[in-house]
Amino acid sequence: MAIVVTFDLENTPAAQELYDTTIDRVTEGRGFASPADLPVPGLLAHIAGPVGDRWRVTDVWESPESFETFAKILGPLLADLGHGDLQPDVSPPHNLVLR
C-alpha cells in the first residue's frame, strides 16, 4: 500500500538550502531528476517547493517499508545538518493516480 510522506518547514531561504543540501548528499552530488537517482527503490512521486508560508516536500512511496529504508539514509543526514528532530507526516492516500 502506497504512503504519502510530507515534510513542512517554515518557508525561508534556509529551508530551501536545507532541501538542496539534503538532495545533494542523498544523491552524492549526482542530481535528482528521477526516482532512480535515489539510493533506494520505491519512490513513486516527489514534489518540493514553497506553499504559502511553508516549504513543503511531499513524496509518495510504494510502501511503508520502502520509505523506512530511505529514512535510514535520510535521518542521519538530517541529524548531521542539525535537523534530526524534523519528522514527516505519514499517511495513506485516499486516491492515487499516476501516469
N, C-alpha and C. Protein backbone atom coordinates (compact mmCIF):
# COMPACT_ATOMS: atom_id res chain seq x y z
N MET A 1 0.84 -1.18 0.00
CA MET A 1 0.00 0.00 0.00
C MET A 1 0.89 1.24 0.00
N ALA A 2 0.61 2.17 -0.90
CA ALA A 2 1.37 3.41 -1.00
C ALA A 2 1.15 4.28 0.23
N ILE A 3 2.14 5.13 0.50
CA ILE A 3 2.02 6.11 1.58
C ILE A 3 2.48 7.47 1.07
N VAL A 4 1.92 8.52 1.69
CA VAL A 4 2.31 9.89 1.39
C VAL A 4 3.13 10.40 2.57
N VAL A 5 4.29 10.94 2.26
CA VAL A 5 5.21 11.45 3.29
C VAL A 5 5.42 12.93 3.03
N THR A 6 5.08 13.77 4.02
CA THR A 6 5.17 15.22 3.85
C THR A 6 6.01 15.84 4.96
N PHE A 7 7.00 16.61 4.53
CA PHE A 7 7.79 17.43 5.46
C PHE A 7 7.37 18.87 5.24
N ASP A 8 7.11 19.60 6.31
CA ASP A 8 6.74 21.01 6.25
C ASP A 8 7.71 21.82 7.09
N LEU A 9 8.26 22.86 6.49
CA LEU A 9 9.16 23.78 7.19
C LEU A 9 8.67 25.19 6.94
N GLU A 10 9.05 26.09 7.83
CA GLU A 10 8.78 27.50 7.58
C GLU A 10 9.48 27.88 6.28
N ASN A 11 8.79 28.60 5.40
CA ASN A 11 9.34 28.97 4.09
C ASN A 11 10.35 30.09 4.25
N THR A 12 11.60 29.70 4.34
CA THR A 12 12.70 30.66 4.43
C THR A 12 13.79 30.22 3.46
N PRO A 13 14.73 31.10 3.14
CA PRO A 13 15.86 30.66 2.31
C PRO A 13 16.59 29.46 2.94
N ALA A 14 16.63 29.39 4.26
CA ALA A 14 17.30 28.27 4.93
C ALA A 14 16.58 26.95 4.66
N ALA A 15 15.26 26.99 4.51
CA ALA A 15 14.52 25.76 4.24
C ALA A 15 14.87 25.22 2.85
N GLN A 16 14.91 26.10 1.86
CA GLN A 16 15.30 25.66 0.52
C GLN A 16 16.75 25.19 0.51
N GLU A 17 17.60 25.86 1.25
CA GLU A 17 19.00 25.46 1.33
C GLU A 17 19.13 24.07 1.98
N LEU A 18 18.34 23.83 3.04
CA LEU A 18 18.34 22.51 3.67
C LEU A 18 17.91 21.45 2.66
N TYR A 19 16.85 21.72 1.92
CA TYR A 19 16.37 20.79 0.90
C TYR A 19 17.47 20.51 -0.13
N ASP A 20 18.04 21.57 -0.70
CA ASP A 20 19.07 21.41 -1.74
C ASP A 20 20.27 20.64 -1.22
N THR A 21 20.72 20.96 -0.01
CA THR A 21 21.86 20.27 0.57
C THR A 21 21.54 18.81 0.84
N THR A 22 20.33 18.55 1.33
CA THR A 22 19.93 17.16 1.60
C THR A 22 19.89 16.35 0.31
N ILE A 23 19.30 16.91 -0.74
CA ILE A 23 19.24 16.22 -2.03
C ILE A 23 20.65 15.95 -2.54
N ASP A 24 21.52 16.94 -2.44
CA ASP A 24 22.89 16.78 -2.90
C ASP A 24 23.58 15.63 -2.16
N ARG A 25 23.36 15.54 -0.87
CA ARG A 25 24.01 14.48 -0.09
C ARG A 25 23.37 13.11 -0.34
N VAL A 26 22.05 13.08 -0.45
CA VAL A 26 21.38 11.80 -0.69
C VAL A 26 21.81 11.21 -2.03
N THR A 27 21.95 12.06 -3.03
CA THR A 27 22.31 11.58 -4.38
C THR A 27 23.81 11.61 -4.61
N GLU A 28 24.57 11.95 -3.60
CA GLU A 28 26.04 12.05 -3.70
C GLU A 28 26.46 12.97 -4.85
N GLY A 29 25.69 14.07 -5.00
CA GLY A 29 26.02 15.08 -5.99
C GLY A 29 25.63 14.76 -7.41
N ARG A 30 24.93 13.66 -7.64
CA ARG A 30 24.55 13.27 -9.00
C ARG A 30 23.33 14.02 -9.51
N GLY A 31 22.61 14.71 -8.64
CA GLY A 31 21.38 15.38 -9.03
C GLY A 31 20.18 14.48 -8.84
N PHE A 32 19.00 15.09 -8.94
CA PHE A 32 17.77 14.36 -8.67
C PHE A 32 16.72 14.74 -9.70
N ALA A 33 16.63 13.95 -10.77
CA ALA A 33 15.66 14.19 -11.82
C ALA A 33 14.73 13.00 -12.03
N SER A 34 15.00 11.91 -11.32
CA SER A 34 14.23 10.69 -11.48
C SER A 34 14.29 9.89 -10.18
N PRO A 35 13.24 9.12 -9.87
CA PRO A 35 13.31 8.26 -8.69
C PRO A 35 14.53 7.33 -8.71
N ALA A 36 15.00 6.99 -9.88
CA ALA A 36 16.18 6.12 -10.00
C ALA A 36 17.45 6.79 -9.47
N ASP A 37 17.42 8.11 -9.28
CA ASP A 37 18.59 8.83 -8.76
C ASP A 37 18.78 8.62 -7.27
N LEU A 38 17.75 8.11 -6.58
CA LEU A 38 17.87 7.85 -5.15
C LEU A 38 18.57 6.51 -4.92
N PRO A 39 19.19 6.36 -3.75
CA PRO A 39 19.92 5.12 -3.48
C PRO A 39 19.04 3.94 -3.07
N VAL A 40 17.73 4.14 -3.03
CA VAL A 40 16.80 3.05 -2.70
C VAL A 40 15.62 3.11 -3.66
N PRO A 41 15.02 1.97 -3.98
CA PRO A 41 13.86 1.96 -4.86
C PRO A 41 12.58 2.26 -4.09
N GLY A 42 11.51 2.56 -4.81
CA GLY A 42 10.20 2.68 -4.19
C GLY A 42 9.56 4.04 -4.24
N LEU A 43 10.29 5.08 -4.65
CA LEU A 43 9.69 6.41 -4.75
C LEU A 43 8.83 6.48 -6.01
N LEU A 44 7.56 6.86 -5.84
CA LEU A 44 6.64 6.98 -6.97
C LEU A 44 6.51 8.42 -7.45
N ALA A 45 6.57 9.38 -6.53
CA ALA A 45 6.42 10.79 -6.89
C ALA A 45 7.11 11.66 -5.85
N HIS A 46 7.60 12.83 -6.29
CA HIS A 46 8.29 13.76 -5.40
C HIS A 46 7.98 15.17 -5.86
N ILE A 47 7.56 16.01 -4.91
CA ILE A 47 7.30 17.43 -5.18
C ILE A 47 7.89 18.22 -4.04
N ALA A 48 8.59 19.31 -4.36
CA ALA A 48 9.15 20.17 -3.32
C ALA A 48 9.05 21.62 -3.76
N GLY A 49 8.70 22.50 -2.81
CA GLY A 49 8.66 23.91 -3.12
C GLY A 49 7.84 24.68 -2.11
N PRO A 50 7.77 25.99 -2.30
CA PRO A 50 7.02 26.82 -1.37
C PRO A 50 5.52 26.66 -1.56
N VAL A 51 4.83 26.62 -0.43
CA VAL A 51 3.36 26.59 -0.40
C VAL A 51 2.95 27.59 0.67
N GLY A 52 2.56 28.80 0.24
CA GLY A 52 2.23 29.85 1.20
C GLY A 52 3.44 30.17 2.07
N ASP A 53 3.27 30.08 3.37
CA ASP A 53 4.36 30.40 4.28
C ASP A 53 5.16 29.17 4.68
N ARG A 54 5.00 28.06 3.94
CA ARG A 54 5.68 26.81 4.24
C ARG A 54 6.57 26.39 3.07
N TRP A 55 7.62 25.63 3.37
CA TRP A 55 8.40 24.93 2.36
C TRP A 55 8.01 23.47 2.53
N ARG A 56 7.44 22.89 1.50
CA ARG A 56 6.86 21.54 1.63
C ARG A 56 7.56 20.57 0.68
N VAL A 57 7.84 19.40 1.22
CA VAL A 57 8.36 18.28 0.44
C VAL A 57 7.37 17.14 0.61
N THR A 58 6.81 16.68 -0.51
CA THR A 58 5.84 15.59 -0.47
C THR A 58 6.31 14.46 -1.37
N ASP A 59 6.39 13.29 -0.80
CA ASP A 59 6.76 12.09 -1.54
C ASP A 59 5.63 11.09 -1.48
N VAL A 60 5.52 10.28 -2.51
CA VAL A 60 4.65 9.12 -2.49
C VAL A 60 5.57 7.91 -2.65
N TRP A 61 5.51 7.03 -1.66
CA TRP A 61 6.32 5.81 -1.66
C TRP A 61 5.42 4.62 -1.89
N GLU A 62 5.93 3.60 -2.55
CA GLU A 62 5.10 2.45 -2.89
C GLU A 62 4.68 1.65 -1.67
N SER A 63 5.40 1.80 -0.55
CA SER A 63 5.04 1.06 0.67
C SER A 63 5.71 1.72 1.87
N PRO A 64 5.19 1.45 3.07
CA PRO A 64 5.87 1.95 4.27
C PRO A 64 7.30 1.41 4.36
N GLU A 65 7.51 0.19 3.93
CA GLU A 65 8.84 -0.41 4.02
C GLU A 65 9.84 0.31 3.11
N SER A 66 9.40 0.71 1.92
CA SER A 66 10.33 1.43 1.04
C SER A 66 10.72 2.77 1.64
N PHE A 67 9.76 3.47 2.27
CA PHE A 67 10.13 4.73 2.93
C PHE A 67 11.03 4.47 4.14
N GLU A 68 10.76 3.44 4.90
CA GLU A 68 11.59 3.13 6.07
C GLU A 68 13.04 2.89 5.65
N THR A 69 13.23 2.23 4.52
CA THR A 69 14.59 2.01 4.01
C THR A 69 15.25 3.34 3.69
N PHE A 70 14.52 4.23 3.02
CA PHE A 70 15.05 5.55 2.71
C PHE A 70 15.30 6.36 3.98
N ALA A 71 14.41 6.26 4.95
CA ALA A 71 14.55 7.02 6.20
C ALA A 71 15.84 6.67 6.94
N LYS A 72 16.33 5.45 6.76
CA LYS A 72 17.60 5.05 7.39
C LYS A 72 18.77 5.82 6.81
N ILE A 73 18.61 6.34 5.61
CA ILE A 73 19.63 7.20 4.99
C ILE A 73 19.35 8.66 5.32
N LEU A 74 18.08 9.06 5.18
CA LEU A 74 17.70 10.46 5.37
C LEU A 74 17.87 10.92 6.82
N GLY A 75 17.46 10.11 7.76
CA GLY A 75 17.52 10.50 9.18
C GLY A 75 18.90 10.96 9.63
N PRO A 76 19.94 10.15 9.42
CA PRO A 76 21.27 10.59 9.82
C PRO A 76 21.76 11.84 9.08
N LEU A 77 21.37 11.98 7.80
CA LEU A 77 21.75 13.19 7.06
C LEU A 77 21.12 14.43 7.68
N LEU A 78 19.82 14.34 7.99
CA LEU A 78 19.15 15.48 8.63
C LEU A 78 19.76 15.79 9.98
N ALA A 79 20.09 14.76 10.74
CA ALA A 79 20.72 14.97 12.05
C ALA A 79 22.07 15.67 11.88
N ASP A 80 22.84 15.25 10.89
CA ASP A 80 24.14 15.87 10.62
C ASP A 80 23.99 17.34 10.24
N LEU A 81 22.86 17.68 9.62
CA LEU A 81 22.61 19.07 9.21
C LEU A 81 21.90 19.87 10.31
N GLY A 82 21.73 19.27 11.49
CA GLY A 82 21.12 19.98 12.62
C GLY A 82 19.60 19.92 12.64
N HIS A 83 19.00 18.99 11.89
CA HIS A 83 17.54 18.89 11.81
C HIS A 83 17.07 17.47 12.12
N GLY A 84 17.74 16.83 13.06
CA GLY A 84 17.39 15.47 13.43
C GLY A 84 16.01 15.34 14.03
N ASP A 85 15.43 16.45 14.49
CA ASP A 85 14.10 16.41 15.09
C ASP A 85 12.98 16.58 14.05
N LEU A 86 13.33 16.80 12.80
CA LEU A 86 12.34 17.00 11.75
C LEU A 86 11.65 15.68 11.44
N GLN A 87 10.35 15.65 11.66
CA GLN A 87 9.56 14.43 11.46
C GLN A 87 8.48 14.69 10.40
N PRO A 88 8.31 13.74 9.49
CA PRO A 88 7.29 13.93 8.46
C PRO A 88 5.91 13.49 8.94
N ASP A 89 4.91 13.97 8.24
CA ASP A 89 3.56 13.44 8.39
C ASP A 89 3.47 12.29 7.39
N VAL A 90 3.05 11.12 7.86
CA VAL A 90 2.94 9.93 7.01
C VAL A 90 1.49 9.46 7.05
N SER A 91 0.90 9.30 5.86
CA SER A 91 -0.49 8.88 5.81
C SER A 91 -0.75 8.09 4.53
N PRO A 92 -1.80 7.28 4.54
CA PRO A 92 -2.17 6.59 3.31
C PRO A 92 -2.93 7.56 2.41
N PRO A 93 -2.79 7.44 1.11
CA PRO A 93 -3.57 8.30 0.22
C PRO A 93 -5.01 7.82 0.15
N HIS A 94 -5.91 8.76 -0.01
CA HIS A 94 -7.31 8.40 -0.25
C HIS A 94 -7.47 7.94 -1.70
N ASN A 95 -6.76 8.63 -2.60
CA ASN A 95 -6.79 8.31 -4.01
C ASN A 95 -5.41 8.59 -4.57
N LEU A 96 -4.90 7.74 -5.42
CA LEU A 96 -3.59 7.93 -6.03
C LEU A 96 -3.70 7.60 -7.50
N VAL A 97 -3.40 8.57 -8.33
CA VAL A 97 -3.41 8.39 -9.78
C VAL A 97 -2.03 8.78 -10.30
N LEU A 98 -1.38 7.86 -10.96
CA LEU A 98 -0.05 8.12 -11.54
C LEU A 98 -0.12 7.89 -13.04
N ARG A 99 0.74 8.57 -13.72
CA ARG A 99 0.77 8.41 -15.18
C ARG A 99 1.35 7.09 -15.54
